[in-house]
Structures are given as structure tokens and as C-alpha cells.
Amino acid sequence: MRSSVVGLLLFSVVAFSIAEAGTALFCTVILAWALFPLLVGTRDALEAGCVFMLISLGIVVVVSLARYGPGALTP
């Protein structure tokens, strides 16, 4: 149950990154932070949230690289 919820959250991050839906992506991240204390407990919520944020950032970088090429990383 817990892993399926986290998987669904990560799938939402991928889908919203591909669709370039910034507000929905932001809401997914906020929802994840709200659910982590329930999913992993209050002691591990910060660690789980940080791991989720790192994975989400990686997803956003990979999607923007796939869409815009290496020029997406330069200002």
C-alpha cells in the first residue's frame, strides 16, 4: 500500500513534468510532504521527503534534457 502511493506520486511527477504543468507538479510535491508522516512515520518523514525531492528533481532535469537538449542546463 505504501509503496503504491509513493509510486503514484512519482508517476504524477513524471506526467506533470512531461505536460509542463507547473502548478500541478507543485501540488503533487506538497501532497507528498503531507502524506509522508502518515506513510513512513514522523521520525522518517524528513528523510523520505528529501529522497522524494531528489528523485523529483532528477525527473524534472531528465524531462527537460529530453525536451530541450543540453542547452536546457545553461542559463
PDB file of N, CA and C in Angstrom:
ATOM      1  N   MET A   1       0.818  -1.191   0.000  1.00  0.00           N
ATOM      2  CA  MET A   1       0.000   0.000   0.000  1.00  0.00           C
ATOM      3  C   MET A   1       0.864   1.259   0.000  1.00  0.00           C
ATOM      4  N   ARG A   2       1.854   1.300   0.892  1.00  0.00           N
ATOM      5  CA  ARG A   2       2.690   2.497   0.982  1.00  0.00           C
ATOM      6  C   ARG A   2       3.496   2.718  -0.282  1.00  0.00           C
ATOM      7  N   SER A   3       4.082   1.656  -0.793  1.00  0.00           N
ATOM      8  CA  SER A   3       4.908   1.809  -1.989  1.00  0.00           C
ATOM      9  C   SER A   3       4.060   2.173  -3.206  1.00  0.00           C
ATOM     10  N   SER A   4       2.824   1.722  -3.244  1.00  0.00           N
ATOM     11  CA  SER A   4       1.964   2.085  -4.379  1.00  0.00           C
ATOM     12  C   SER A   4       1.589   3.562  -4.328  1.00  0.00           C
ATOM     13  N   VAL A   5       1.416   4.114  -3.137  1.00  0.00           N
ATOM     14  CA  VAL A   5       1.110   5.546  -3.012  1.00  0.00           C
ATOM     15  C   VAL A   5       2.315   6.374  -3.449  1.00  0.00           C
ATOM     16  N   VAL A   6       3.505   5.984  -3.013  1.00  0.00           N
ATOM     17  CA  VAL A   6       4.715   6.701  -3.416  1.00  0.00           C
ATOM     18  C   VAL A   6       4.946   6.548  -4.919  1.00  0.00           C
ATOM     19  N   GLY A   7       4.696   5.368  -5.446  1.00  0.00           N
ATOM     20  CA  GLY A   7       4.806   5.156  -6.886  1.00  0.00           C
ATOM     21  C   GLY A   7       3.832   6.015  -7.663  1.00  0.00           C
ATOM     22  N   LEU A   8       2.619   6.144  -7.166  1.00  0.00           N
ATOM     23  CA  LEU A   8       1.637   7.003  -7.816  1.00  0.00           C
ATOM     24  C   LEU A   8       2.056   8.467  -7.764  1.00  0.00           C
ATOM     25  N   LEU A   9       2.632   8.887  -6.647  1.00  0.00           N
ATOM     26  CA  LEU A   9       3.135  10.260  -6.545  1.00  0.00           C
ATOM     27  C   LEU A   9       4.272  10.497  -7.542  1.00  0.00           C
ATOM     28  N   LEU A  10       5.184   9.543  -7.656  1.00  0.00           N
ATOM     29  CA  LEU A  10       6.279   9.688  -8.615  1.00  0.00           C
ATOM     30  C   LEU A  10       5.774   9.645 -10.056  1.00  0.00           C
ATOM     31  N   PHE A  11       4.797   8.820 -10.321  1.00  0.00           N
ATOM     32  CA  PHE A  11       4.193   8.803 -11.665  1.00  0.00           C
ATOM     33  C   PHE A  11       3.549  10.146 -11.975  1.00  0.00           C
ATOM     34  N   SER A  12       2.915  10.759 -10.971  1.00  0.00           N
ATOM     35  CA  SER A  12       2.318  12.080 -11.164  1.00  0.00           C
ATOM     36  C   SER A  12       3.386  13.123 -11.467  1.00  0.00           C
ATOM     37  N   VAL A  13       4.526  13.030 -10.786  1.00  0.00           N
ATOM     38  CA  VAL A  13       5.619  13.958 -11.064  1.00  0.00           C
ATOM     39  C   VAL A  13       6.091  13.809 -12.509  1.00  0.00           C
ATOM     40  N   VAL A  14       6.225  12.578 -12.973  1.00  0.00           N
ATOM     41  CA  VAL A  14       6.645  12.337 -14.353  1.00  0.00           C
ATOM     42  C   VAL A  14       5.611  12.895 -15.325  1.00  0.00           C
ATOM     43  N   ALA A  15       4.353  12.598 -15.097  1.00  0.00           N
ATOM     44  CA  ALA A  15       3.293  13.047 -16.009  1.00  0.00           C
ATOM     45  C   ALA A  15       3.190  14.570 -16.046  1.00  0.00           C
ATOM     46  N   PHE A  16       3.261  15.210 -14.902  1.00  0.00           N
ATOM     47  CA  PHE A  16       3.147  16.664 -14.870  1.00  0.00           C
ATOM     48  C   PHE A  16       4.392  17.343 -15.406  1.00  0.00           C
ATOM     49  N   SER A  17       5.544  16.695 -15.287  1.00  0.00           N
ATOM     50  CA  SER A  17       6.761  17.251 -15.873  1.00  0.00           C
ATOM     51  C   SER A  17       6.698  17.195 -17.393  1.00  0.00           C
ATOM     52  N   ILE A  18       6.216  16.091 -17.906  1.00  0.00           N
ATOM     53  CA  ILE A  18       6.084  15.958 -19.356  1.00  0.00           C
ATOM     54  C   ILE A  18       5.049  16.936 -19.895  1.00  0.00           C
ATOM     55  N   ALA A  19       3.962  17.123 -19.164  1.00  0.00           N
ATOM     56  CA  ALA A  19       2.897  18.021 -19.604  1.00  0.00           C
ATOM     57  C   ALA A  19       3.200  19.482 -19.317  1.00  0.00           C
ATOM     58  N   GLU A  20       4.322  19.760 -18.653  1.00  0.00           N
ATOM     59  CA  GLU A  20       4.723  21.115 -18.262  1.00  0.00           C
ATOM     60  C   GLU A  20       3.633  21.807 -17.445  1.00  0.00           C
ATOM     61  N   ALA A  21       3.041  21.060 -16.527  1.00  0.00           N
ATOM     62  CA  ALA A  21       2.015  21.593 -15.640  1.00  0.00           C
ATOM     63  C   ALA A  21       2.665  21.930 -14.297  1.00  0.00           C
ATOM     64  N   GLY A  22       3.200  23.132 -14.191  1.00  0.00           N
ATOM     65  CA  GLY A  22       3.964  23.534 -13.020  1.00  0.00           C
ATOM     66  C   GLY A  22       3.157  23.558 -11.744  1.00  0.00           C
ATOM     67  N   THR A  23       1.929  24.070 -11.807  1.00  0.00           N
ATOM     68  CA  THR A  23       1.096  24.154 -10.609  1.00  0.00           C
ATOM     69  C   THR A  23       0.721  22.769 -10.107  1.00  0.00           C
ATOM     70  N   ALA A  24       0.387  21.873 -11.006  1.00  0.00           N
ATOM     71  CA  ALA A  24       0.045  20.506 -10.610  1.00  0.00           C
ATOM     72  C   ALA A  24       1.268  19.778 -10.048  1.00  0.00           C
ATOM     73  N   LEU A  25       2.432  20.053 -10.610  1.00  0.00           N
ATOM     74  CA  LEU A  25       3.665  19.466 -10.085  1.00  0.00           C
ATOM     75  C   LEU A  25       3.930  19.964  -8.672  1.00  0.00           C
ATOM     76  N   PHE A  26       3.747  21.247  -8.454  1.00  0.00           N
ATOM     77  CA  PHE A  26       3.919  21.827  -7.126  1.00  0.00           C
ATOM     78  C   PHE A  26       2.924  21.225  -6.132  1.00  0.00           C
ATOM     79  N   CYS A  27       1.686  21.062  -6.538  1.00  0.00           N
ATOM     80  CA  CYS A  27       0.671  20.465  -5.655  1.00  0.00           C
ATOM     81  C   CYS A  27       0.993  19.009  -5.339  1.00  0.00           C
ATOM     82  N   THR A  28       1.563  18.281  -6.298  1.00  0.00           N
ATOM     83  CA  THR A  28       1.963  16.903  -6.048  1.00  0.00           C
ATOM     84  C   THR A  28       3.066  16.830  -5.004  1.00  0.00           C
ATOM     85  N   VAL A  29       4.020  17.744  -5.085  1.00  0.00           N
ATOM     86  CA  VAL A  29       5.111  17.766  -4.105  1.00  0.00           C
ATOM     87  C   VAL A  29       4.576  18.126  -2.718  1.00  0.00           C
ATOM     88  N   ILE A  30       3.683  19.081  -2.634  1.00  0.00           N
ATOM     89  CA  ILE A  30       3.079  19.452  -1.349  1.00  0.00           C
ATOM     90  C   ILE A  30       2.267  18.291  -0.789  1.00  0.00           C
ATOM     91  N   LEU A  31       1.532  17.604  -1.633  1.00  0.00           N
ATOM     92  CA  LEU A  31       0.761  16.440  -1.199  1.00  0.00           C
ATOM     93  C   LEU A  31       1.686  15.337  -0.684  1.00  0.00           C
ATOM     94  N   ALA A  32       2.808  15.143  -1.368  1.00  0.00           N
ATOM     95  CA  ALA A  32       3.761  14.132  -0.912  1.00  0.00           C
ATOM     96  C   ALA A  32       4.290  14.467   0.477  1.00  0.00           C
ATOM     97  N   TRP A  33       4.653  15.720   0.700  1.00  0.00           N
ATOM     98  CA  TRP A  33       5.149  16.116   2.018  1.00  0.00           C
ATOM     99  C   TRP A  33       4.070  15.957   3.082  1.00  0.00           C
ATOM    100  N   ALA A  34       2.816  16.153   2.715  1.00  0.00           N
ATOM    101  CA  ALA A  34       1.722  15.981   3.683  1.00  0.00           C
ATOM    102  C   ALA A  34       1.460  14.506   3.985  1.00  0.00           C
ATOM    103  N   LEU A  35       1.699  13.627   3.011  1.00  0.00           N
ATOM    104  CA  LEU A  35       1.419  12.209   3.197  1.00  0.00           C
ATOM    105  C   LEU A  35       2.562  11.431   3.838  1.00  0.00           C
ATOM    106  N   PHE A  36       3.787  11.927   3.729  1.00  0.00           N
ATOM    107  CA  PHE A  36       4.918  11.154   4.246  1.00  0.00           C
ATOM    108  C   PHE A  36       4.858  10.877   5.738  1.00  0.00           C
ATOM    109  N   PRO A  37       4.401  11.780   6.593  1.00  0.00           N
ATOM    110  CA  PRO A  37       4.283  11.392   8.003  1.00  0.00           C
ATOM    111  C   PRO A  37       3.312  10.234   8.226  1.00  0.00           C
ATOM    112  N   LEU A  38       2.288  10.138   7.397  1.00  0.00           N
ATOM    113  CA  LEU A  38       1.342   9.033   7.514  1.00  0.00           C
ATOM    114  C   LEU A  38       1.913   7.735   6.937  1.00  0.00           C
ATOM    115  N   LEU A  39       2.721   7.858   5.887  1.00  0.00           N
ATOM    116  CA  LEU A  39       3.240   6.678   5.212  1.00  0.00           C
ATOM    117  C   LEU A  39       4.439   6.065   5.914  1.00  0.00           C
ATOM    118  N   VAL A  40       5.372   6.894   6.362  1.00  0.00           N
ATOM    119  CA  VAL A  40       6.609   6.368   6.932  1.00  0.00           C
ATOM    120  C   VAL A  40       6.785   6.706   8.400  1.00  0.00           C
ATOM    121  N   GLY A  41       5.892   7.470   8.976  1.00  0.00           N
ATOM    122  CA  GLY A  41       6.018   7.869  10.372  1.00  0.00           C
ATOM    123  C   GLY A  41       6.695   9.223  10.479  1.00  0.00           C
ATOM    124  N   THR A  42       6.512   9.840  11.624  1.00  0.00           N
ATOM    125  CA  THR A  42       7.039  11.190  11.793  1.00  0.00           C
ATOM    126  C   THR A  42       8.561  11.209  11.917  1.00  0.00           C
ATOM    127  N   ARG A  43       9.159  10.129  12.397  1.00  0.00           N
ATOM    128  CA  ARG A  43      10.617  10.098  12.538  1.00  0.00           C
ATOM    129  C   ARG A  43      11.331  10.078  11.194  1.00  0.00           C
ATOM    130  N   ASP A  44      10.768   9.416  10.213  1.00  0.00           N
ATOM    131  CA  ASP A  44      11.426   9.259   8.919  1.00  0.00           C
ATOM    132  C   ASP A  44      10.823  10.140   7.827  1.00  0.00           C
ATOM    133  N   ALA A  45       9.923  11.038   8.190  1.00  0.00           N
ATOM    134  CA  ALA A  45       9.246  11.853   7.179  1.00  0.00           C
ATOM    135  C   ALA A  45      10.216  12.803   6.484  1.00  0.00           C
ATOM    136  N   LEU A  46      11.141  13.392   7.223  1.00  0.00           N
ATOM    137  CA  LEU A  46      12.093  14.318   6.615  1.00  0.00           C
ATOM    138  C   LEU A  46      13.013  13.596   5.634  1.00  0.00           C
ATOM    139  N   GLU A  47      13.496  12.438   6.019  1.00  0.00           N
ATOM    140  CA  GLU A  47      14.370  11.670   5.130  1.00  0.00           C
ATOM    141  C   GLU A  47      13.624  11.227   3.871  1.00  0.00           C
ATOM    142  N   ALA A  48      12.411  10.740   4.038  1.00  0.00           N
ATOM    143  CA  ALA A  48      11.627  10.305   2.882  1.00  0.00           C
ATOM    144  C   ALA A  48      11.298  11.488   1.974  1.00  0.00           C
ATOM    145  N   GLY A  49      10.990  12.622   2.574  1.00  0.00           N
ATOM    146  CA  GLY A  49      10.688  13.815   1.777  1.00  0.00           C
ATOM    147  C   GLY A  49      11.892  14.290   0.995  1.00  0.00           C
ATOM    148  N   CYS A  50      13.067  14.246   1.606  1.00  0.00           N
ATOM    149  CA  CYS A  50      14.284  14.662   0.908  1.00  0.00           C
ATOM    150  C   CYS A  50      14.618  13.722  -0.243  1.00  0.00           C
ATOM    151  N   VAL A  51      14.453  12.433  -0.028  1.00  0.00           N
ATOM    152  CA  VAL A  51      14.694  11.464  -1.103  1.00  0.00           C
ATOM    153  C   VAL A  51      13.689  11.678  -2.231  1.00  0.00           C
ATOM    154  N   PHE A  52      12.444  11.921  -1.876  1.00  0.00           N
ATOM    155  CA  PHE A  52      11.417  12.179  -2.887  1.00  0.00           C
ATOM    156  C   PHE A  52      11.755  13.438  -3.685  1.00  0.00           C
ATOM    157  N   MET A  53      12.234  14.479  -3.001  1.00  0.00           N
ATOM    158  CA  MET A  53      12.581  15.719  -3.696  1.00  0.00           C
ATOM    159  C   MET A  53      13.770  15.509  -4.633  1.00  0.00           C
ATOM    160  N   LEU A  54      14.774  14.728  -4.211  1.00  0.00           N
ATOM    161  CA  LEU A  54      15.910  14.457  -5.088  1.00  0.00           C
ATOM    162  C   LEU A  54      15.489  13.675  -6.326  1.00  0.00           C
ATOM    163  N   ILE A  55      14.627  12.693  -6.130  1.00  0.00           N
ATOM    164  CA  ILE A  55      14.136  11.918  -7.272  1.00  0.00           C
ATOM    165  C   ILE A  55      13.291  12.805  -8.184  1.00  0.00           C
ATOM    166  N   SER A  56      12.456  13.662  -7.606  1.00  0.00           N
ATOM    167  CA  SER A  56      11.627  14.576  -8.401  1.00  0.00           C
ATOM    168  C   SER A  56      12.478  15.549  -9.195  1.00  0.00           C
ATOM    169  N   LEU A  57      13.534  16.072  -8.573  1.00  0.00           N
ATOM    170  CA  LEU A  57      14.430  16.979  -9.277  1.00  0.00           C
ATOM    171  C   LEU A  57      15.115  16.252 -10.433  1.00  0.00           C
ATOM    172  N   GLY A  58      15.525  15.024 -10.214  1.00  0.00           N
ATOM    173  CA  GLY A  58      16.125  14.235 -11.287  1.00  0.00           C
ATOM    174  C   GLY A  58      15.162  14.009 -12.436  1.00  0.00           C
ATOM    175  N   ILE A  59      13.905  13.759 -12.108  1.00  0.00           N
ATOM    176  CA  ILE A  59      12.888  13.562 -13.147  1.00  0.00           C
ATOM    177  C   ILE A  59      12.712  14.833 -13.963  1.00  0.00           C
ATOM    178  N   VAL A  60      12.636  15.967 -13.295  1.00  0.00           N
ATOM    179  CA  VAL A  60      12.447  17.240 -13.996  1.00  0.00           C
ATOM    180  C   VAL A  60      13.651  17.546 -14.886  1.00  0.00           C
ATOM    181  N   VAL A  61      14.858  17.272 -14.407  1.00  0.00           N
ATOM    182  CA  VAL A  61      16.060  17.514 -15.213  1.00  0.00           C
ATOM    183  C   VAL A  61      16.087  16.600 -16.432  1.00  0.00           C
ATOM    184  N   VAL A  62      15.784  15.331 -16.245  1.00  0.00           N
ATOM    185  CA  VAL A  62      15.794  14.392 -17.374  1.00  0.00           C
ATOM    186  C   VAL A  62      14.731  14.759 -18.401  1.00  0.00           C
ATOM    187  N   VAL A  63      13.551  15.149 -17.950  1.00  0.00           N
ATOM    188  CA  VAL A  63      12.492  15.530 -18.891  1.00  0.00           C
ATOM    189  C   VAL A  63      12.882  16.793 -19.646  1.00  0.00           C
ATOM    190  N   SER A  64      13.464  17.772 -18.975  1.00  0.00           N
ATOM    191  CA  SER A  64      13.848  18.995 -19.686  1.00  0.00           C
ATOM    192  C   SER A  64      15.020  18.740 -20.629  1.00  0.00           C
ATOM    193  N   LEU A  65      15.937  17.837 -20.259  1.00  0.00           N
ATOM    194  CA  LEU A  65      17.014  17.466 -21.183  1.00  0.00           C
ATOM    195  C   LEU A  65      16.462  16.756 -22.410  1.00  0.00           C
ATOM    196  N   ALA A  66      15.495  15.890 -22.207  1.00  0.00           N
ATOM    197  CA  ALA A  66      14.903  15.174 -23.336  1.00  0.00           C
ATOM    198  C   ALA A  66      14.128  16.124 -24.244  1.00  0.00           C
ATOM    199  N   ARG A  67      13.540  17.136 -23.659  1.00  0.00           N
ATOM    200  CA  ARG A  67      12.721  18.054 -24.437  1.00  0.00           C
ATOM    201  C   ARG A  67      13.555  19.111 -25.141  1.00  0.00           C
ATOM    202  N   TYR A  68      14.501  19.721 -24.449  1.00  0.00           N
ATOM    203  CA  TYR A  68      15.221  20.862 -24.975  1.00  0.00           C
ATOM    204  C   TYR A  68      16.684  20.607 -25.315  1.00  0.00           C
ATOM    205  N   GLY A  69      17.199  19.431 -24.970  1.00  0.00           N
ATOM    206  CA  GLY A  69      18.591  19.117 -25.240  1.00  0.00           C
ATOM    207  C   GLY A  69      19.505  19.685 -24.160  1.00  0.00           C
ATOM    208  N   PRO A  70      20.811  19.577 -24.361  1.00  0.00           N
ATOM    209  CA  PRO A  70      21.763  20.027 -23.354  1.00  0.00           C
ATOM    210  C   PRO A  70      21.695  21.524 -23.082  1.00  0.00           C
ATOM    211  N   GLY A  71      21.150  22.292 -23.977  1.00  0.00           N
ATOM    212  CA  GLY A  71      21.017  23.736 -23.787  1.00  0.00           C
ATOM    213  C   GLY A  71      20.068  24.092 -22.662  1.00  0.00           C
ATOM    214  N   ALA A  72      19.289  23.136 -22.200  1.00  0.00           N
ATOM    215  CA  ALA A  72      18.347  23.402 -21.108  1.00  0.00           C
ATOM    216  C   ALA A  72      19.061  23.611 -19.782  1.00  0.00           C
ATOM    217  N   LEU A  73      20.293  23.161 -19.687  1.00  0.00           N
ATOM    218  CA  LEU A  73      21.033  23.281 -18.434  1.00  0.00           C
ATOM    219  C   LEU A  73      21.831  24.571 -18.344  1.00  0.00           C
ATOM    220  N   THR A  74      21.969  25.286 -19.449  1.00  0.00           N
ATOM    221  CA  THR A  74      22.711  26.537 -19.427  1.00  0.00           C
ATOM    222  C   THR A  74      21.740  27.708 -19.301  1.00  0.00           C
ATOM    223  N   PRO A  75      22.163  28.758 -18.615  1.00  0.00           N
ATOM    224  CA  PRO A  75      21.255  29.916 -18.447  1.00  0.00           C
ATOM    225  C   PRO A  75      21.050  30.714 -19.708  1.00  0.00           C
TER     226      PRO A  75
END
